[in-house]
């Protein structure tokens, strides 16, 4: 992204759910431990923050 795009209001819980669903799709029957879940939450938080900025360049 470049320029001054409108910030998107992403849902952190929905993003976490989507990431976990994709992990489950890629690795059926796998489980996620506390440390892995925390990493998914942290990643989702970074994505939400990045998309909520006024500019995608920051």
N, C-alpha and C. Protein backbone atom coordinates (compact mmCIF):
# COMPACT_ATOMS: atom_id res chain seq x y z
N UNK A 1 0.83 -1.18 0.00
CA UNK A 1 0.00 0.00 0.00
C UNK A 1 0.88 1.24 0.00
N UNK A 2 0.44 2.19 -0.76
CA UNK A 2 1.14 3.46 -0.75
C UNK A 2 0.13 4.58 -0.71
N UNK A 3 0.59 5.75 -0.38
CA UNK A 3 -0.29 6.90 -0.34
C UNK A 3 -1.07 6.99 0.95
N UNK A 4 -2.18 7.70 0.86
CA UNK A 4 -3.00 7.92 2.05
C UNK A 4 -4.33 7.19 1.91
N UNK A 5 -4.30 5.91 2.06
CA UNK A 5 -5.50 5.10 2.00
C UNK A 5 -6.32 5.28 3.26
N UNK A 6 -7.63 5.10 3.12
CA UNK A 6 -8.49 5.16 4.30
C UNK A 6 -8.13 4.01 5.23
N UNK A 7 -8.06 4.27 6.53
CA UNK A 7 -7.78 3.17 7.46
C UNK A 7 -8.95 2.18 7.48
N UNK A 8 -8.64 0.90 7.59
CA UNK A 8 -9.66 -0.13 7.69
C UNK A 8 -9.88 -0.44 9.16
N UNK A 9 -11.11 -0.68 9.52
CA UNK A 9 -11.43 -1.04 10.89
C UNK A 9 -11.55 -2.56 10.97
N UNK A 10 -10.41 -3.24 11.14
CA UNK A 10 -10.40 -4.69 11.21
C UNK A 10 -10.78 -5.16 12.61
N UNK A 11 -11.41 -6.30 12.66
CA UNK A 11 -11.81 -6.90 13.93
C UNK A 11 -10.72 -7.87 14.38
N UNK A 12 -10.09 -7.56 15.51
CA UNK A 12 -9.03 -8.43 16.03
C UNK A 12 -9.55 -9.84 16.33
N UNK A 13 -10.71 -10.01 16.98
CA UNK A 13 -11.19 -11.38 17.23
C UNK A 13 -11.48 -12.15 15.94
N UNK A 14 -12.04 -11.48 14.93
CA UNK A 14 -12.32 -12.17 13.67
C UNK A 14 -11.03 -12.53 12.94
N UNK A 15 -10.03 -11.67 13.02
CA UNK A 15 -8.74 -11.96 12.40
C UNK A 15 -8.08 -13.15 13.08
N UNK A 16 -8.13 -13.20 14.40
CA UNK A 16 -7.57 -14.34 15.14
C UNK A 16 -8.29 -15.62 14.72
N UNK A 17 -9.60 -15.56 14.66
CA UNK A 17 -10.39 -16.72 14.26
C UNK A 17 -10.02 -17.19 12.85
N UNK A 18 -9.84 -16.24 11.94
CA UNK A 18 -9.47 -16.59 10.57
C UNK A 18 -8.08 -17.23 10.51
N UNK A 19 -7.15 -16.70 11.28
CA UNK A 19 -5.81 -17.29 11.30
C UNK A 19 -5.83 -18.71 11.86
N UNK A 20 -6.58 -18.91 12.94
CA UNK A 20 -6.66 -20.25 13.52
C UNK A 20 -7.37 -21.22 12.58
N UNK A 21 -8.40 -20.74 11.88
CA UNK A 21 -9.11 -21.59 10.91
C UNK A 21 -8.18 -21.99 9.77
N UNK A 22 -7.35 -21.06 9.32
CA UNK A 22 -6.40 -21.38 8.25
C UNK A 22 -5.35 -22.37 8.71
N UNK A 23 -4.87 -22.22 9.94
CA UNK A 23 -3.91 -23.19 10.49
C UNK A 23 -4.56 -24.57 10.56
N UNK A 24 -5.81 -24.62 11.01
CA UNK A 24 -6.53 -25.91 11.09
C UNK A 24 -6.75 -26.50 9.70
N UNK A 25 -7.01 -25.65 8.72
CA UNK A 25 -7.22 -26.14 7.35
C UNK A 25 -5.93 -26.73 6.79
N UNK A 26 -4.82 -26.06 7.07
CA UNK A 26 -3.53 -26.52 6.56
C UNK A 26 -3.00 -27.75 7.29
N UNK A 27 -3.37 -27.87 8.57
CA UNK A 27 -2.88 -28.98 9.40
C UNK A 27 -4.03 -29.58 10.19
N UNK A 28 -4.90 -30.35 9.52
CA UNK A 28 -6.07 -30.93 10.20
C UNK A 28 -5.66 -31.76 11.42
N UNK A 29 -6.41 -31.60 12.49
CA UNK A 29 -6.15 -32.37 13.70
C UNK A 29 -5.08 -31.79 14.60
N UNK A 30 -4.44 -30.71 14.15
CA UNK A 30 -3.39 -30.12 14.98
C UNK A 30 -4.03 -29.29 16.09
N UNK A 31 -3.24 -29.04 17.11
CA UNK A 31 -3.72 -28.19 18.21
C UNK A 31 -2.76 -27.01 18.36
N UNK A 32 -3.23 -25.99 19.05
CA UNK A 32 -2.44 -24.78 19.27
C UNK A 32 -2.21 -24.64 20.76
N UNK A 33 -0.95 -24.51 21.16
CA UNK A 33 -0.66 -24.35 22.58
C UNK A 33 -0.75 -22.87 22.97
N UNK A 34 -0.55 -22.59 24.25
CA UNK A 34 -0.69 -21.21 24.75
C UNK A 34 0.29 -20.26 24.08
N UNK A 35 1.52 -20.68 23.91
CA UNK A 35 2.54 -19.82 23.30
C UNK A 35 2.20 -19.54 21.83
N UNK A 36 1.72 -20.54 21.12
CA UNK A 36 1.33 -20.35 19.72
C UNK A 36 0.12 -19.44 19.62
N UNK A 37 -0.85 -19.62 20.51
CA UNK A 37 -2.03 -18.76 20.51
C UNK A 37 -1.62 -17.31 20.78
N UNK A 38 -0.71 -17.12 21.73
CA UNK A 38 -0.24 -15.78 22.04
C UNK A 38 0.45 -15.16 20.83
N UNK A 39 1.18 -15.96 20.06
CA UNK A 39 1.83 -15.46 18.85
C UNK A 39 0.80 -15.05 17.80
N UNK A 40 -0.28 -15.83 17.67
CA UNK A 40 -1.35 -15.48 16.73
C UNK A 40 -2.01 -14.17 17.15
N UNK A 41 -2.27 -14.01 18.44
CA UNK A 41 -2.88 -12.78 18.95
C UNK A 41 -1.96 -11.59 18.68
N UNK A 42 -0.68 -11.76 18.96
CA UNK A 42 0.28 -10.67 18.72
C UNK A 42 0.34 -10.30 17.25
N UNK A 43 0.35 -11.30 16.38
CA UNK A 43 0.36 -11.03 14.94
C UNK A 43 -0.90 -10.29 14.51
N UNK A 44 -2.06 -10.73 15.01
CA UNK A 44 -3.32 -10.07 14.68
C UNK A 44 -3.30 -8.62 15.16
N UNK A 45 -2.77 -8.39 16.35
CA UNK A 45 -2.68 -7.02 16.88
C UNK A 45 -1.84 -6.14 15.97
N UNK A 46 -0.72 -6.65 15.48
CA UNK A 46 0.15 -5.88 14.58
C UNK A 46 -0.59 -5.55 13.29
N UNK A 47 -1.33 -6.50 12.75
CA UNK A 47 -2.08 -6.27 11.51
C UNK A 47 -3.16 -5.21 11.74
N UNK A 48 -3.90 -5.33 12.83
CA UNK A 48 -4.96 -4.36 13.13
C UNK A 48 -4.36 -2.96 13.27
N UNK A 49 -3.27 -2.83 14.00
CA UNK A 49 -2.62 -1.52 14.18
C UNK A 49 -2.17 -0.96 12.84
N UNK A 50 -1.54 -1.80 12.00
CA UNK A 50 -1.05 -1.33 10.72
C UNK A 50 -2.18 -0.85 9.82
N UNK A 51 -3.32 -1.54 9.84
CA UNK A 51 -4.43 -1.16 8.98
C UNK A 51 -5.25 -0.01 9.54
N UNK A 52 -5.10 0.29 10.83
CA UNK A 52 -5.83 1.40 11.42
C UNK A 52 -5.09 2.72 11.30
N UNK A 53 -3.86 2.69 10.83
CA UNK A 53 -3.09 3.92 10.62
C UNK A 53 -3.69 4.71 9.48
N UNK A 54 -3.44 6.00 9.50
CA UNK A 54 -3.93 6.88 8.44
C UNK A 54 -3.25 6.56 7.10
N UNK A 55 -2.00 6.14 7.16
CA UNK A 55 -1.25 5.85 5.93
C UNK A 55 -0.65 4.47 6.02
N UNK A 56 -0.68 3.74 4.94
CA UNK A 56 -0.08 2.42 4.90
C UNK A 56 1.43 2.45 4.85
N UNK A 57 2.03 3.63 4.75
CA UNK A 57 3.47 3.75 4.64
C UNK A 57 4.18 3.83 5.98
N UNK A 58 3.46 4.09 7.06
CA UNK A 58 4.10 4.30 8.37
C UNK A 58 4.53 3.00 8.99
